[in-house]
């Protein structure tokens, strides 16, 4: 299971916003870059709260994460709706997602052990890498969970809110450990699905 399963519902909730952006001829790439900027701002809020020992600053994180997820949902939706989907756009989107993960998850190292934050970033990259690898080998990008991009972002938002309310860094520590474990499991799940898909292709080729 992954929050990716509810993406169609989320996009439908954003339909009015999407209509406005389409009429304004906002490009999908502009939304992708906007998501990156929002991620950098999110990371800055997390780092600032940790460095200044003012956890209340972490209350900025949940709304920023929501904006990031909205931008991520709308860039692809608008690209398909306006016929502007292209391989370069997909590549920019993937790179933007990695920058976003590094900024948001990595910044938690200012509130939790830096080594743990680095491990969480690495686990998120590993999960994403297997998803992209599936695209290259099977022709289909794998978004299977349990720890996809939206799941990681949501966990960071929950950890920030809980940390701000409790005035403690402990929620970030818990969230980072969950991202590490979830990232490894997600990579394993996606690899297994990719292996099965390639195995079916091999068997079908033999039958032909």
Protein backbone atom coordinates (compact mmCIF):
# COMPACT_ATOMS: atom_id res chain seq x y z
CA UNK A 1 0.00 0.00 0.00
CA UNK A 2 1.11 3.56 -0.71
CA UNK A 3 -0.39 7.03 -0.79
CA UNK A 4 0.17 6.89 -4.55
CA UNK A 5 -3.09 4.92 -4.67
CA UNK A 6 -5.06 8.03 -3.65
CA UNK A 7 -3.34 10.32 -6.18
CA UNK A 8 -6.32 10.27 -8.61
CA UNK A 9 -8.60 11.39 -5.77
CA UNK A 10 -6.14 14.13 -4.80
CA UNK A 11 -5.89 15.37 -8.40
CA UNK A 12 -9.69 15.55 -8.63
CA UNK A 13 -9.75 17.73 -5.51
CA UNK A 14 -7.32 20.08 -7.28
CA UNK A 15 -9.37 20.30 -10.48
CA UNK A 16 -10.36 23.96 -10.03
CA UNK A 17 -6.77 24.94 -9.38
CA UNK A 18 -5.72 22.94 -12.42
CA UNK A 19 -8.32 24.73 -14.58
CA UNK A 20 -6.94 28.11 -13.50
CA UNK A 21 -3.36 27.05 -14.25
CA UNK A 22 -4.31 25.67 -17.66
CA UNK A 23 -6.08 28.90 -18.58
CA UNK A 24 -3.03 30.86 -17.42
CA UNK A 25 -0.85 28.56 -19.59
CA UNK A 26 1.40 27.65 -16.68
CA UNK A 27 3.86 25.02 -17.89
CA UNK A 28 4.24 21.65 -16.15
CA UNK A 29 7.97 22.35 -15.74
CA UNK A 30 7.17 25.55 -13.84
CA UNK A 31 5.21 23.48 -11.33
CA UNK A 32 8.04 20.98 -11.07
CA UNK A 33 10.49 23.78 -10.27
CA UNK A 34 7.98 25.32 -7.86
CA UNK A 35 7.88 22.01 -6.00
CA UNK A 36 11.68 22.09 -5.69
CA UNK A 37 11.58 25.62 -4.26
CA UNK A 38 8.91 24.57 -1.77
CA UNK A 39 11.03 21.58 -0.71
CA UNK A 40 14.02 23.84 -0.14
CA UNK A 41 11.83 26.14 1.96
CA UNK A 42 10.58 23.11 3.91
CA UNK A 43 14.13 21.98 4.56
CA UNK A 44 15.06 25.48 5.65
CA UNK A 45 12.18 25.55 8.16
CA UNK A 46 13.20 22.18 9.59
CA UNK A 47 16.86 23.20 9.84
CA UNK A 48 16.06 26.59 11.34
CA UNK A 49 13.85 25.04 14.00
CA UNK A 50 16.60 22.62 14.93
CA UNK A 51 19.45 25.10 14.89
CA UNK A 52 17.64 27.80 16.86
CA UNK A 53 15.89 25.34 19.18
CA UNK A 54 12.51 26.82 18.26
CA UNK A 55 10.39 23.78 17.35
CA UNK A 56 7.40 26.03 16.67
CA UNK A 57 9.00 26.79 13.30
CA UNK A 58 8.25 23.20 12.31
CA UNK A 59 4.56 24.11 12.13
CA UNK A 60 5.41 25.62 8.74
CA UNK A 61 6.28 22.18 7.41
CA UNK A 62 2.83 20.52 6.99
CA UNK A 63 1.36 23.29 4.76
CA UNK A 64 4.57 23.43 2.73
CA UNK A 65 4.48 19.65 2.25
CA UNK A 66 0.87 19.90 1.08
CA UNK A 67 1.87 22.54 -1.48
CA UNK A 68 4.72 20.32 -2.65
CA UNK A 69 2.41 17.35 -3.12
CA UNK A 70 -0.08 19.54 -4.98
CA UNK A 71 2.61 20.78 -7.36
CA UNK A 72 3.83 17.22 -7.90
CA UNK A 73 0.30 16.05 -8.69
CA UNK A 74 -0.52 18.96 -10.98
CA UNK A 75 2.61 18.99 -13.13
CA UNK A 76 1.92 15.56 -14.59
CA UNK A 77 -1.83 16.10 -14.79
CA UNK A 78 -1.44 19.37 -16.68
CA UNK A 79 1.22 17.88 -18.96
CA UNK A 80 -1.15 15.09 -19.99
CA UNK A 81 -4.16 17.39 -20.28
CA UNK A 82 -2.38 19.90 -22.52
CA UNK A 83 -0.43 17.36 -24.57
CA UNK A 84 2.92 18.52 -23.21
CA UNK A 85 4.11 15.21 -21.76
CA UNK A 86 7.67 14.45 -22.84
CA UNK A 87 10.64 12.40 -21.74
CA UNK A 88 12.68 15.46 -20.72
CA UNK A 89 9.85 16.60 -18.47
CA UNK A 90 9.79 13.19 -16.79
CA UNK A 91 13.56 13.38 -16.25
CA UNK A 92 13.27 16.86 -14.74
CA UNK A 93 10.50 15.60 -12.49
CA UNK A 94 12.62 12.68 -11.25
CA UNK A 95 15.60 14.92 -10.56
CA UNK A 96 13.36 17.41 -8.80
CA UNK A 97 11.96 14.67 -6.59
CA UNK A 98 15.45 13.59 -5.55
CA UNK A 99 16.42 17.18 -4.72
CA UNK A 100 13.20 17.52 -2.76
CA UNK A 101 13.82 14.35 -0.76
CA UNK A 102 17.39 15.39 -0.01
CA UNK A 103 16.28 18.84 1.13
CA UNK A 104 13.37 17.74 3.31
CA UNK A 105 14.70 14.51 4.79
CA UNK A 106 18.31 15.64 4.96
CA UNK A 107 17.35 18.79 6.87
CA UNK A 108 15.98 16.58 9.63
CA UNK A 109 19.64 15.99 10.46
CA UNK A 110 19.57 19.37 12.20
CA UNK A 111 16.99 17.99 14.63
CA UNK A 112 18.01 14.32 14.73
CA UNK A 113 21.34 12.46 14.35
CA UNK A 114 22.87 13.51 10.99
CA UNK A 115 23.92 9.92 10.24
CA UNK A 116 20.31 8.79 10.60
CA UNK A 117 19.08 11.56 8.29
CA UNK A 118 21.74 10.59 5.72
CA UNK A 119 20.60 6.98 5.94
CA UNK A 120 16.99 8.03 5.41
CA UNK A 121 17.95 10.02 2.31
CA UNK A 122 19.90 7.03 0.99
CA UNK A 123 16.94 4.71 1.63
CA UNK A 124 14.60 7.09 -0.20
CA UNK A 125 16.99 7.24 -3.15
CA UNK A 126 17.24 3.44 -3.19
CA UNK A 127 13.46 3.09 -3.33
CA UNK A 128 13.22 5.64 -6.14
CA UNK A 129 16.09 4.08 -8.06
CA UNK A 130 14.36 0.70 -8.19
CA UNK A 131 11.20 2.38 -9.44
CA UNK A 132 13.06 4.13 -12.25
CA UNK A 133 15.04 0.97 -13.02
CA UNK A 134 11.74 -0.83 -13.54
CA UNK A 135 10.82 1.79 -16.14
CA UNK A 136 14.02 1.11 -18.07
CA UNK A 137 13.70 -2.68 -17.93
CA UNK A 138 9.96 -3.27 -18.10
CA UNK A 139 8.66 -0.05 -19.65
CA UNK A 140 6.61 0.86 -16.58
CA UNK A 141 7.65 3.08 -13.65
CA UNK A 142 6.93 1.26 -10.41
CA UNK A 143 5.25 3.33 -7.71
CA UNK A 144 4.51 0.43 -5.33
CA UNK A 145 4.86 1.17 -1.63
CA UNK A 146 4.94 1.19 1.26
CA UNK A 147 7.33 4.17 1.26
CA UNK A 148 6.87 6.21 -1.90
CA UNK A 149 7.52 9.92 -2.36
CA UNK A 150 4.16 11.05 -0.96
CA UNK A 151 4.49 8.69 1.99
CA UNK A 152 7.92 10.10 2.86
CA UNK A 153 6.73 13.68 2.58
CA UNK A 154 3.68 12.99 4.71
CA UNK A 155 5.80 11.36 7.40
CA UNK A 156 8.11 14.39 7.50
CA UNK A 157 5.05 16.63 7.90
CA UNK A 158 3.71 14.47 10.73
CA UNK A 159 7.09 14.38 12.44
CA UNK A 160 7.43 18.14 12.20
CA UNK A 161 3.96 18.79 13.59
CA UNK A 162 4.44 16.31 16.41
CA UNK A 163 7.86 17.75 17.19
CA UNK A 164 6.50 21.29 17.28
CA UNK A 165 3.65 20.33 19.60
CA UNK A 166 5.84 18.24 21.89
CA UNK A 167 8.80 20.62 21.71
CA UNK A 168 11.03 17.63 21.03
CA UNK A 169 13.21 16.17 18.29
CA UNK A 170 12.11 12.62 19.10
CA UNK A 171 9.32 12.53 16.48
CA UNK A 172 11.89 13.29 13.78
CA UNK A 173 14.06 10.42 15.00
CA UNK A 174 11.11 8.04 14.81
CA UNK A 175 10.11 9.30 11.36
CA UNK A 176 13.63 8.91 10.00
CA UNK A 177 13.85 5.32 11.23
CA UNK A 178 10.49 4.57 9.59
CA UNK A 179 11.74 6.09 6.32
CA UNK A 180 14.92 4.01 6.47
CA UNK A 181 13.03 0.76 7.09
CA UNK A 182 10.24 1.64 4.67
CA UNK A 183 12.68 2.65 1.94
CA UNK A 184 14.51 -0.66 2.14
CA UNK A 185 11.24 -2.61 2.11
CA UNK A 186 9.94 -0.55 -0.82
CA UNK A 187 13.11 -1.18 -2.81
CA UNK A 188 12.79 -4.92 -2.12
CA UNK A 189 9.11 -4.94 -3.14
CA UNK A 190 9.82 -3.08 -6.38
CA UNK A 191 12.78 -5.30 -7.20
CA UNK A 192 10.67 -8.42 -6.65
CA UNK A 193 7.92 -7.03 -8.89
CA UNK A 194 10.48 -6.16 -11.55
CA UNK A 195 12.01 -9.64 -11.36
CA UNK A 196 8.58 -11.23 -11.75
CA UNK A 197 7.72 -9.00 -14.71
CA UNK A 198 10.98 -9.82 -16.47
CA UNK A 199 10.44 -13.51 -15.72
CA UNK A 200 7.00 -13.40 -17.36
CA UNK A 201 8.47 -11.65 -20.39
CA UNK A 202 11.10 -14.37 -20.67
CA UNK A 203 8.53 -17.15 -20.47
CA UNK A 204 6.31 -15.43 -23.03
CA UNK A 205 9.27 -15.07 -25.40
CA UNK A 206 10.03 -18.79 -25.09
CA UNK A 207 6.41 -19.70 -25.89
CA UNK A 208 6.47 -17.53 -28.99
